[in-house]
């Protein structure tokens, strides 16, 4: 299979995609596992999740990929946010991290 493009998806978006695929036919094993996981850990509906991603990206240091990861995980502490952004070598101020935590509440 050739991948033409890749975009990060929120759990809410994946949940909708899997719902449509399930209506069209039976889900494969991996898809069922993903659906079960997302139903357990998804905290936002699609509109809320996309809104949060856009708000996080207002900070020019945060890419769509990182914003999507933050929304999907919905961390409640500064250390978790710092761990997420560390991978991309992004340095956020304490104020930025606190804004993220408040936004996700």
Protein backbone atom coordinates (compact mmCIF):
# COMPACT_ATOMS: atom_id res chain seq x y z
CA UNK A 1 0.00 0.00 0.00
CA UNK A 2 1.32 3.42 -0.96
CA UNK A 3 0.78 6.33 1.43
CA UNK A 4 0.21 9.57 -0.48
CA UNK A 5 -0.12 11.87 2.49
CA UNK A 6 -0.37 11.79 6.22
CA UNK A 7 -2.23 14.08 8.61
CA UNK A 8 -2.56 13.72 12.36
CA UNK A 9 -6.09 12.89 13.51
CA UNK A 10 -7.77 13.44 16.82
CA UNK A 11 -9.39 10.49 18.54
CA UNK A 12 -12.79 12.04 17.77
CA UNK A 13 -12.02 12.10 14.03
CA UNK A 14 -10.86 8.49 14.07
CA UNK A 15 -13.98 7.51 15.99
CA UNK A 16 -16.16 9.01 13.24
CA UNK A 17 -14.16 7.34 10.46
CA UNK A 18 -14.44 3.95 12.16
CA UNK A 19 -18.16 4.46 12.72
CA UNK A 20 -18.68 5.01 8.97
CA UNK A 21 -16.51 2.01 8.09
CA UNK A 22 -18.41 -0.15 10.57
CA UNK A 23 -21.70 0.87 8.95
CA UNK A 24 -20.28 -0.08 5.54
CA UNK A 25 -19.11 -3.49 6.73
CA UNK A 26 -17.33 -5.38 9.46
CA UNK A 27 -14.19 -3.87 10.98
CA UNK A 28 -10.93 -5.77 10.94
CA UNK A 29 -9.23 -6.90 14.14
CA UNK A 30 -6.93 -3.85 14.37
CA UNK A 31 -9.79 -1.47 13.64
CA UNK A 32 -11.88 -3.05 16.39
CA UNK A 33 -9.00 -2.67 18.83
CA UNK A 34 -8.54 0.99 17.88
CA UNK A 35 -12.28 1.64 18.19
CA UNK A 36 -12.35 0.06 21.66
CA UNK A 37 -9.33 2.11 22.77
CA UNK A 38 -10.74 5.37 21.41
CA UNK A 39 -14.14 4.82 22.97
CA UNK A 40 -12.40 4.35 26.29
CA UNK A 41 -10.02 7.33 26.12
CA UNK A 42 -11.62 9.92 23.80
CA UNK A 43 -12.59 12.98 25.84
CA UNK A 44 -13.91 15.37 23.20
CA UNK A 45 -16.30 15.31 20.26
CA UNK A 46 -14.89 16.13 16.82
CA UNK A 47 -15.76 19.84 16.91
CA UNK A 48 -14.32 20.35 20.40
CA UNK A 49 -11.13 18.45 19.51
CA UNK A 50 -10.57 20.42 16.30
CA UNK A 51 -11.21 23.68 18.17
CA UNK A 52 -8.63 22.74 20.78
CA UNK A 53 -6.07 21.81 18.11
CA UNK A 54 -6.56 25.19 16.42
CA UNK A 55 -6.26 27.06 19.72
CA UNK A 56 -3.06 25.20 20.61
CA UNK A 57 -1.60 26.02 17.20
CA UNK A 58 -2.07 29.73 17.91
CA UNK A 59 1.23 29.28 19.74
CA UNK A 60 3.49 29.26 16.66
CA UNK A 61 5.86 26.77 18.29
CA UNK A 62 3.19 24.06 18.36
CA UNK A 63 2.63 22.11 15.14
CA UNK A 64 -0.61 20.35 14.20
CA UNK A 65 0.99 17.01 15.06
CA UNK A 66 1.97 18.11 18.57
CA UNK A 67 -1.37 19.86 19.12
CA UNK A 68 -3.22 16.70 18.11
CA UNK A 69 -1.14 14.56 20.46
CA UNK A 70 -1.80 16.99 23.31
CA UNK A 71 -5.55 16.95 22.64
CA UNK A 72 -5.62 13.15 22.36
CA UNK A 73 -3.72 12.63 25.61
CA UNK A 74 -5.29 15.65 27.36
CA UNK A 75 -2.55 15.90 29.99
CA UNK A 76 -3.34 17.40 33.36
CA UNK A 77 0.18 18.22 34.49
CA UNK A 78 3.06 20.30 33.18
CA UNK A 79 5.51 17.39 33.14
CA UNK A 80 3.40 15.43 30.67
CA UNK A 81 3.11 18.40 28.32
CA UNK A 82 6.86 18.98 28.51
CA UNK A 83 7.46 15.32 27.70
CA UNK A 84 5.20 15.54 24.63
CA UNK A 85 6.89 18.65 23.22
CA UNK A 86 10.41 17.49 24.11
CA UNK A 87 10.39 15.06 21.17
CA UNK A 88 10.05 17.97 18.77
CA UNK A 89 12.68 20.01 20.60
CA UNK A 90 10.10 22.67 21.45
CA UNK A 91 10.68 24.76 24.53
CA UNK A 92 7.56 26.22 26.09
CA UNK A 93 7.55 28.73 28.89
CA UNK A 94 5.83 27.87 32.16
CA UNK A 95 3.14 30.35 31.15
CA UNK A 96 2.55 28.52 27.85
CA UNK A 97 2.27 25.19 29.65
CA UNK A 98 -0.22 26.62 32.15
CA UNK A 99 -2.31 28.03 29.28
CA UNK A 100 -2.43 24.56 27.72
CA UNK A 101 -3.52 22.96 31.00
CA UNK A 102 -6.29 25.56 31.44
CA UNK A 103 -7.42 25.14 27.85
CA UNK A 104 -7.81 21.37 28.25
CA UNK A 105 -9.93 21.61 31.41
